[in-house]
Amino acid sequence: MRRARVPKGTRQVTLPPLRRDRRGHGLRAPLAPEDSPLRRSPAQRFDDIVLDCVERLDRRWKEQLAKVEFAVEDVPTLDDWPHDWVPLARAFASTGVLPARIVIFRRPIETRAKGGFRLPDLVSDVVAEQVAEMFGVDPQDVDPSYGSHG
């Protein structure tokens, strides 16, 4: 096989090899650009929604929320859960060296959002409820837009 000659003064660019699907048919390449929101997984998009909610609340509750850790888990562990319903989130008080913590459960919230709620609105309400429970105030005091999403 002969190699193509590259004119002097030009660079040769090596393209990455294209892969085929597992049956050897079509080309496998990304469908969306690297920096596109479409390339983010549902879990990453959910994390972004939670982060936006927390940042919005942090403007009003900066001192109190500085001592609270937020986390997202896919599903709750129900080992120590005394109720017969699945929680959307849980708040844990600080104990010893562990800070206070609010855990948001992605899958139950996504399931509930399919019932007619918009996901960002539902996440916002859930976060406000957990912060309100932790500080012993009304969710409307934490977030004035609580419950007004429709």
N, C-alpha and C. Protein backbone atom coordinates (compact mmCIF):
# COMPACT_ATOMS: atom_id res chain seq x y z
N MET A 1 0.84 -1.16 0.00
CA MET A 1 0.00 0.00 0.00
C MET A 1 0.89 1.23 0.00
N ARG A 2 0.54 2.21 -0.79
CA ARG A 2 1.34 3.43 -0.87
C ARG A 2 0.79 4.47 0.09
N ARG A 3 1.67 5.24 0.64
CA ARG A 3 1.27 6.34 1.51
C ARG A 3 1.11 7.59 0.68
N ALA A 4 0.14 8.39 1.04
CA ALA A 4 -0.05 9.67 0.35
C ALA A 4 1.06 10.62 0.78
N ARG A 5 1.53 11.37 -0.17
CA ARG A 5 2.57 12.34 0.16
C ARG A 5 1.92 13.59 0.74
N VAL A 6 2.57 14.10 1.79
CA VAL A 6 2.09 15.33 2.42
C VAL A 6 2.94 16.46 1.90
N PRO A 7 2.30 17.48 1.30
CA PRO A 7 3.09 18.60 0.78
C PRO A 7 3.93 19.23 1.89
N LYS A 8 5.10 19.71 1.50
CA LYS A 8 6.02 20.31 2.45
C LYS A 8 5.38 21.55 3.08
N GLY A 9 5.56 21.72 4.41
CA GLY A 9 5.02 22.87 5.12
C GLY A 9 3.63 22.64 5.69
N THR A 10 3.01 21.48 5.45
CA THR A 10 1.70 21.20 6.03
C THR A 10 1.85 20.12 7.09
N ARG A 11 0.94 20.13 8.00
CA ARG A 11 0.95 19.13 9.06
C ARG A 11 0.00 18.01 8.72
N GLN A 12 0.38 16.84 9.11
CA GLN A 12 -0.52 15.71 8.92
C GLN A 12 -1.32 15.52 10.20
N VAL A 13 -2.62 15.48 10.09
CA VAL A 13 -3.50 15.33 11.23
C VAL A 13 -3.97 13.89 11.28
N THR A 14 -3.87 13.31 12.45
CA THR A 14 -4.33 11.94 12.62
C THR A 14 -5.70 11.97 13.28
N LEU A 15 -6.68 11.43 12.61
CA LEU A 15 -8.03 11.36 13.15
C LEU A 15 -8.16 10.13 14.03
N PRO A 16 -8.97 10.24 15.11
CA PRO A 16 -9.17 9.06 15.93
C PRO A 16 -9.91 7.98 15.14
N PRO A 17 -9.63 6.73 15.41
CA PRO A 17 -10.31 5.67 14.68
C PRO A 17 -11.79 5.66 15.02
N LEU A 18 -12.61 5.42 14.03
CA LEU A 18 -14.04 5.31 14.26
C LEU A 18 -14.36 3.88 14.64
N ARG A 19 -15.15 3.76 15.68
CA ARG A 19 -15.54 2.42 16.11
C ARG A 19 -16.90 2.07 15.53
N ARG A 20 -17.14 0.83 15.39
CA ARG A 20 -18.43 0.37 14.90
C ARG A 20 -19.23 -0.17 16.08
N ASP A 21 -20.54 -0.28 15.89
CA ASP A 21 -21.35 -0.83 16.96
C ASP A 21 -21.03 -2.31 17.14
N ARG A 22 -21.61 -2.91 18.13
CA ARG A 22 -21.20 -4.28 18.48
C ARG A 22 -21.52 -5.31 17.41
N ARG A 23 -22.33 -4.97 16.44
CA ARG A 23 -22.62 -5.90 15.36
C ARG A 23 -21.83 -5.57 14.10
N GLY A 24 -20.95 -4.57 14.18
CA GLY A 24 -20.11 -4.23 13.04
C GLY A 24 -20.78 -3.36 12.00
N HIS A 25 -21.92 -2.77 12.35
CA HIS A 25 -22.66 -2.00 11.35
C HIS A 25 -22.25 -0.53 11.34
N GLY A 26 -22.99 0.31 12.01
CA GLY A 26 -22.80 1.74 11.92
C GLY A 26 -21.59 2.25 12.68
N LEU A 27 -21.25 3.49 12.40
CA LEU A 27 -20.14 4.12 13.10
C LEU A 27 -20.60 4.57 14.48
N ARG A 28 -19.73 4.41 15.45
CA ARG A 28 -20.03 4.86 16.81
C ARG A 28 -19.23 6.12 17.08
N ALA A 29 -19.90 7.19 17.22
CA ALA A 29 -19.26 8.46 17.54
C ALA A 29 -20.22 9.24 18.43
N PRO A 30 -19.71 10.20 19.18
CA PRO A 30 -20.59 10.99 20.04
C PRO A 30 -21.66 11.71 19.22
N LEU A 31 -22.87 11.77 19.75
CA LEU A 31 -23.96 12.43 19.05
C LEU A 31 -24.03 13.92 19.38
N ALA A 32 -23.40 14.32 20.48
CA ALA A 32 -23.44 15.72 20.89
C ALA A 32 -22.03 16.19 21.20
N PRO A 33 -21.77 17.47 21.00
CA PRO A 33 -20.44 18.00 21.32
C PRO A 33 -20.08 17.80 22.78
N GLU A 34 -18.80 17.81 23.07
CA GLU A 34 -18.30 17.54 24.43
C GLU A 34 -18.88 18.48 25.48
N ASP A 35 -19.03 19.76 25.15
CA ASP A 35 -19.50 20.74 26.13
C ASP A 35 -21.01 20.94 26.10
N SER A 36 -21.73 20.13 25.38
CA SER A 36 -23.17 20.25 25.26
C SER A 36 -23.87 19.68 26.50
N PRO A 37 -24.98 20.30 26.92
CA PRO A 37 -25.74 19.75 28.04
C PRO A 37 -26.26 18.34 27.77
N LEU A 38 -26.39 17.98 26.49
CA LEU A 38 -26.86 16.64 26.16
C LEU A 38 -25.87 15.56 26.55
N ARG A 39 -24.60 15.92 26.70
CA ARG A 39 -23.58 14.95 27.06
C ARG A 39 -23.57 14.64 28.55
N ARG A 40 -24.31 15.42 29.34
CA ARG A 40 -24.35 15.20 30.78
C ARG A 40 -25.38 14.11 31.09
N SER A 41 -25.06 13.26 32.03
CA SER A 41 -25.97 12.18 32.40
C SER A 41 -27.15 12.75 33.19
N PRO A 42 -28.23 12.00 33.29
CA PRO A 42 -29.36 12.45 34.11
C PRO A 42 -28.94 12.73 35.56
N ALA A 43 -28.05 11.93 36.10
CA ALA A 43 -27.58 12.15 37.47
C ALA A 43 -26.81 13.46 37.57
N GLN A 44 -25.99 13.78 36.58
CA GLN A 44 -25.25 15.03 36.60
C GLN A 44 -26.19 16.23 36.46
N ARG A 45 -27.20 16.10 35.62
CA ARG A 45 -28.17 17.19 35.47
C ARG A 45 -28.96 17.38 36.78
N PHE A 46 -29.30 16.29 37.45
CA PHE A 46 -30.01 16.38 38.73
C PHE A 46 -29.12 17.07 39.77
N ASP A 47 -27.84 16.70 39.82
CA ASP A 47 -26.91 17.36 40.74
C ASP A 47 -26.87 18.86 40.50
N ASP A 48 -26.89 19.27 39.23
CA ASP A 48 -26.88 20.69 38.89
C ASP A 48 -28.13 21.40 39.42
N ILE A 49 -29.28 20.73 39.32
CA ILE A 49 -30.53 21.31 39.82
C ILE A 49 -30.45 21.51 41.32
N VAL A 50 -29.97 20.49 42.04
CA VAL A 50 -29.84 20.61 43.50
C VAL A 50 -28.87 21.73 43.85
N LEU A 51 -27.74 21.78 43.16
CA LEU A 51 -26.76 22.81 43.42
C LEU A 51 -27.34 24.21 43.19
N ASP A 52 -28.12 24.38 42.13
CA ASP A 52 -28.77 25.67 41.88
C ASP A 52 -29.71 26.06 43.02
N CYS A 53 -30.48 25.09 43.51
CA CYS A 53 -31.41 25.35 44.62
C CYS A 53 -30.66 25.76 45.89
N VAL A 54 -29.60 25.04 46.18
CA VAL A 54 -28.82 25.34 47.38
C VAL A 54 -28.15 26.71 47.26
N GLU A 55 -27.61 27.01 46.10
CA GLU A 55 -26.98 28.33 45.90
C GLU A 55 -27.99 29.46 46.04
N ARG A 56 -29.20 29.24 45.57
CA ARG A 56 -30.25 30.25 45.69
C ARG A 56 -30.61 30.47 47.16
N LEU A 57 -30.73 29.39 47.93
CA LEU A 57 -31.04 29.51 49.36
C LEU A 57 -29.86 30.07 50.14
N ASP A 58 -28.67 29.81 49.65
CA ASP A 58 -27.46 30.25 50.36
C ASP A 58 -27.37 31.78 50.43
N ARG A 59 -28.01 32.46 49.51
CA ARG A 59 -28.00 33.92 49.53
C ARG A 59 -28.71 34.47 50.77
N ARG A 60 -29.79 33.79 51.20
CA ARG A 60 -30.56 34.25 52.37
C ARG A 60 -30.10 33.59 53.66
N TRP A 61 -29.60 32.37 53.60
CA TRP A 61 -29.29 31.57 54.79
C TRP A 61 -27.81 31.21 54.86
N LYS A 62 -26.96 32.11 54.42
CA LYS A 62 -25.52 31.83 54.29
C LYS A 62 -24.89 31.31 55.59
N GLU A 63 -25.11 31.98 56.70
CA GLU A 63 -24.50 31.57 57.97
C GLU A 63 -24.99 30.20 58.42
N GLN A 64 -26.29 29.98 58.36
CA GLN A 64 -26.85 28.70 58.81
C GLN A 64 -26.44 27.55 57.88
N LEU A 65 -26.45 27.80 56.57
CA LEU A 65 -26.13 26.73 55.62
C LEU A 65 -24.64 26.43 55.54
N ALA A 66 -23.81 27.31 56.07
CA ALA A 66 -22.37 27.06 56.06
C ALA A 66 -22.02 25.83 56.90
N LYS A 67 -22.89 25.47 57.81
CA LYS A 67 -22.65 24.33 58.69
C LYS A 67 -23.38 23.07 58.23
N VAL A 68 -24.01 23.15 57.06
CA VAL A 68 -24.80 22.02 56.55
C VAL A 68 -24.14 21.47 55.28
N GLU A 69 -24.07 20.16 55.21
CA GLU A 69 -23.52 19.47 54.05
C GLU A 69 -24.70 18.92 53.24
N PHE A 70 -24.66 19.09 51.92
CA PHE A 70 -25.71 18.57 51.04
C PHE A 70 -25.14 17.41 50.23
N ALA A 71 -25.97 16.40 50.02
CA ALA A 71 -25.55 15.24 49.24
C ALA A 71 -26.73 14.76 48.40
N VAL A 72 -26.41 14.07 47.31
CA VAL A 72 -27.43 13.46 46.46
C VAL A 72 -27.11 11.97 46.38
N GLU A 73 -28.11 11.16 46.64
CA GLU A 73 -27.99 9.72 46.48
C GLU A 73 -29.09 9.27 45.54
N ASP A 74 -28.85 8.15 44.86
CA ASP A 74 -29.86 7.65 43.92
C ASP A 74 -31.14 7.23 44.62
N VAL A 75 -31.01 6.38 45.63
CA VAL A 75 -32.17 5.88 46.36
C VAL A 75 -31.85 5.86 47.85
N PRO A 76 -32.88 5.95 48.68
CA PRO A 76 -32.62 5.90 50.13
C PRO A 76 -32.44 4.46 50.61
N THR A 77 -31.67 4.31 51.67
CA THR A 77 -31.64 3.02 52.36
C THR A 77 -32.74 3.10 53.40
N LEU A 78 -33.58 2.13 53.41
CA LEU A 78 -34.76 2.17 54.27
C LEU A 78 -34.61 1.29 55.52
N ASP A 79 -33.39 0.92 55.86
CA ASP A 79 -33.15 0.05 57.02
C ASP A 79 -33.68 0.67 58.30
N ASP A 80 -33.41 1.95 58.53
CA ASP A 80 -33.84 2.60 59.76
C ASP A 80 -35.01 3.55 59.54
N TRP A 81 -35.72 3.37 58.44
CA TRP A 81 -36.86 4.23 58.10
C TRP A 81 -38.13 3.61 58.64
N PRO A 82 -38.81 4.26 59.59
CA PRO A 82 -39.97 3.65 60.26
C PRO A 82 -41.28 3.76 59.51
N HIS A 83 -41.33 4.47 58.40
CA HIS A 83 -42.58 4.72 57.68
C HIS A 83 -42.76 3.75 56.52
N ASP A 84 -43.98 3.68 56.00
CA ASP A 84 -44.24 2.79 54.87
C ASP A 84 -44.24 3.52 53.53
N TRP A 85 -43.71 4.72 53.49
CA TRP A 85 -43.58 5.49 52.26
C TRP A 85 -42.11 5.81 52.03
N VAL A 86 -41.78 6.09 50.78
CA VAL A 86 -40.38 6.34 50.41
C VAL A 86 -40.09 7.84 50.53
N PRO A 87 -39.04 8.21 51.26
CA PRO A 87 -38.72 9.64 51.41
C PRO A 87 -38.09 10.22 50.14
N LEU A 88 -38.30 11.50 49.92
CA LEU A 88 -37.67 12.20 48.81
C LEU A 88 -36.32 12.78 49.25
N ALA A 89 -36.17 12.99 50.55
CA ALA A 89 -34.93 13.53 51.11
C ALA A 89 -34.95 13.25 52.61
N ARG A 90 -33.78 13.40 53.24
CA ARG A 90 -33.69 13.25 54.69
C ARG A 90 -32.71 14.27 55.24
N ALA A 91 -33.01 14.76 56.41
CA ALA A 91 -32.13 15.69 57.11
C ALA A 91 -31.57 14.98 58.33
N PHE A 92 -30.27 15.11 58.52
CA PHE A 92 -29.60 14.50 59.66
C PHE A 92 -28.92 15.60 60.48
N ALA A 93 -29.18 15.61 61.77
CA ALA A 93 -28.55 16.61 62.65
C ALA A 93 -27.07 16.28 62.80
N SER A 94 -26.30 17.29 63.17
CA SER A 94 -24.87 17.04 63.37
C SER A 94 -24.67 16.18 64.61
N THR A 95 -23.70 15.30 64.53
CA THR A 95 -23.37 14.42 65.66
C THR A 95 -21.86 14.36 65.80
N GLY A 96 -21.36 14.80 66.95
CA GLY A 96 -19.91 14.75 67.17
C GLY A 96 -19.15 15.52 66.11
N VAL A 97 -18.31 14.81 65.38
CA VAL A 97 -17.50 15.45 64.34
C VAL A 97 -18.21 15.56 63.00
N LEU A 98 -19.32 14.86 62.84
CA LEU A 98 -20.06 14.90 61.58
C LEU A 98 -20.95 16.14 61.52
N PRO A 99 -20.90 16.89 60.41
CA PRO A 99 -21.76 18.07 60.29
C PRO A 99 -23.21 17.68 60.00
N ALA A 100 -24.11 18.63 60.15
CA ALA A 100 -25.50 18.41 59.76
C ALA A 100 -25.51 18.12 58.26
N ARG A 101 -26.44 17.28 57.86
CA ARG A 101 -26.43 16.82 56.47
C ARG A 101 -27.84 16.69 55.94
N ILE A 102 -28.02 17.12 54.69
CA ILE A 102 -29.29 16.93 54.00
C ILE A 102 -29.00 16.09 52.76
N VAL A 103 -29.72 14.97 52.66
CA VAL A 103 -29.52 14.05 51.53
C VAL A 103 -30.78 14.07 50.68
N ILE A 104 -30.59 14.36 49.40
CA ILE A 104 -31.68 14.39 48.43
C ILE A 104 -31.62 13.10 47.63
N PHE A 105 -32.77 12.43 47.47
CA PHE A 105 -32.81 11.14 46.76
C PHE A 105 -33.33 11.35 45.34
N ARG A 106 -32.45 11.12 44.39
CA ARG A 106 -32.73 11.42 42.98
C ARG A 106 -33.88 10.60 42.39
N ARG A 107 -33.83 9.30 42.49
CA ARG A 107 -34.83 8.45 41.80
C ARG A 107 -36.26 8.67 42.31
N PRO A 108 -36.50 8.73 43.62
CA PRO A 108 -37.88 9.00 44.06
C PRO A 108 -38.40 10.36 43.59
N ILE A 109 -37.52 11.36 43.55
CA ILE A 109 -37.96 12.69 43.09
C ILE A 109 -38.25 12.66 41.60
N GLU A 110 -37.39 12.00 40.82
CA GLU A 110 -37.65 11.90 39.38
C GLU A 110 -38.95 11.16 39.11
N THR A 111 -39.23 10.12 39.88
CA THR A 111 -40.46 9.36 39.71
C THR A 111 -41.67 10.24 40.03
N ARG A 112 -41.58 11.01 41.10
CA ARG A 112 -42.67 11.90 41.48
C ARG A 112 -42.84 13.01 40.44
N ALA A 113 -41.75 13.50 39.87
CA ALA A 113 -41.82 14.58 38.89
C ALA A 113 -42.55 14.13 37.62
N LYS A 114 -42.52 12.85 37.33
CA LYS A 114 -43.23 12.35 36.14
C LYS A 114 -44.74 12.45 36.32
N GLY A 115 -45.18 12.65 37.56
CA GLY A 115 -46.61 12.76 37.85
C GLY A 115 -47.17 14.15 37.61
N GLY A 116 -46.47 15.00 36.92
CA GLY A 116 -47.00 16.32 36.59
C GLY A 116 -46.20 17.48 37.18
N PHE A 117 -45.29 17.20 38.10
CA PHE A 117 -44.47 18.27 38.65
C PHE A 117 -43.28 18.51 37.73
N ARG A 118 -42.84 19.75 37.67
CA ARG A 118 -41.58 20.04 36.97
C ARG A 118 -40.44 19.68 37.91
N LEU A 119 -39.44 19.00 37.42
CA LEU A 119 -38.35 18.52 38.26
C LEU A 119 -37.66 19.64 39.03
N PRO A 120 -37.24 20.75 38.42
CA PRO A 120 -36.58 21.80 39.20
C PRO A 120 -37.47 22.37 40.31
N ASP A 121 -38.77 22.49 40.04
CA ASP A 121 -39.69 23.01 41.06
C ASP A 121 -39.83 22.04 42.23
N LEU A 122 -39.94 20.76 41.91
CA LEU A 122 -40.07 19.76 42.97
C LEU A 122 -38.80 19.69 43.80
N VAL A 123 -37.64 19.72 43.16
CA VAL A 123 -36.37 19.70 43.90
C VAL A 123 -36.27 20.93 44.80
N SER A 124 -36.66 22.08 44.28
CA SER A 124 -36.62 23.32 45.06
C SER A 124 -37.49 23.20 46.31
N ASP A 125 -38.70 22.67 46.17
CA ASP A 125 -39.59 22.50 47.32
C ASP A 125 -39.03 21.49 48.32
N VAL A 126 -38.48 20.40 47.83
CA VAL A 126 -37.92 19.38 48.72
C VAL A 126 -36.74 19.93 49.52
N VAL A 127 -35.86 20.66 48.84
CA VAL A 127 -34.70 21.25 49.53
C VAL A 127 -35.19 22.25 50.58
N ALA A 128 -36.16 23.08 50.22
CA ALA A 128 -36.70 24.07 51.17
C ALA A 128 -37.32 23.37 52.37
N GLU A 129 -38.04 22.29 52.16
CA GLU A 129 -38.65 21.54 53.27
C GLU A 129 -37.59 20.98 54.21
N GLN A 130 -36.52 20.44 53.65
CA GLN A 130 -35.47 19.86 54.49
C GLN A 130 -34.72 20.92 55.29
N VAL A 131 -34.43 22.05 54.65
CA VAL A 131 -33.76 23.15 55.36
C VAL A 131 -34.68 23.68 56.46
N ALA A 132 -35.97 23.82 56.16
CA ALA A 132 -36.93 24.29 57.15
C ALA A 132 -37.02 23.33 58.33
N GLU A 133 -37.04 22.03 58.04
CA GLU A 133 -37.09 21.04 59.11
C GLU A 133 -35.84 21.12 59.99
N MET A 134 -34.70 21.31 59.37
CA MET A 134 -33.45 21.37 60.11
C MET A 134 -33.40 22.58 61.04
N PHE A 135 -33.92 23.73 60.58
CA PHE A 135 -33.84 24.96 61.36
C PHE A 135 -35.11 25.24 62.16
N GLY A 136 -36.12 24.38 62.03
CA GLY A 136 -37.34 24.54 62.81
C GLY A 136 -38.17 25.76 62.40
N VAL A 137 -38.20 26.02 61.10
CA VAL A 137 -39.00 27.14 60.58
C VAL A 137 -39.94 26.61 59.50
N ASP A 138 -40.80 27.49 59.01
CA ASP A 138 -41.73 27.14 57.95
C ASP A 138 -41.00 27.15 56.60
N PRO A 139 -41.29 26.20 55.70
CA PRO A 139 -40.63 26.19 54.38
C PRO A 139 -40.83 27.50 53.61
N GLN A 140 -41.96 28.18 53.82
CA GLN A 140 -42.23 29.46 53.16
C GLN A 140 -41.23 30.53 53.63
N ASP A 141 -40.75 30.40 54.89
CA ASP A 141 -39.74 31.34 55.40
C ASP A 141 -38.38 31.07 54.77
N VAL A 142 -38.10 29.82 54.46
CA VAL A 142 -36.83 29.45 53.84
C VAL A 142 -36.80 29.91 52.40
N ASP A 143 -37.88 29.63 51.67
CA ASP A 143 -37.97 29.98 50.25
C ASP A 143 -39.36 30.56 49.99
N PRO A 144 -39.46 31.87 49.77
CA PRO A 144 -40.78 32.48 49.54
C PRO A 144 -41.55 31.88 48.36
N SER A 145 -40.84 31.24 47.41
CA SER A 145 -41.53 30.63 46.26
C SER A 145 -41.97 29.20 46.56
N TYR A 146 -41.81 28.74 47.79
CA TYR A 146 -42.17 27.36 48.16
C TYR A 146 -43.65 27.11 47.88
N GLY A 147 -43.95 26.01 47.18
CA GLY A 147 -45.31 25.58 46.93
C GLY A 147 -46.06 26.37 45.87
N SER A 148 -45.45 27.37 45.27
CA SER A 148 -46.15 28.20 44.30
C SER A 148 -45.86 27.79 42.86
N HIS A 149 -45.31 26.62 42.68
CA HIS A 149 -44.89 26.20 41.34
C HIS A 149 -46.01 25.55 40.54
N GLY A 150 -47.10 25.34 41.15
CA GLY A 150 -48.20 24.82 40.36
C GLY A 150 -48.57 23.47 40.75
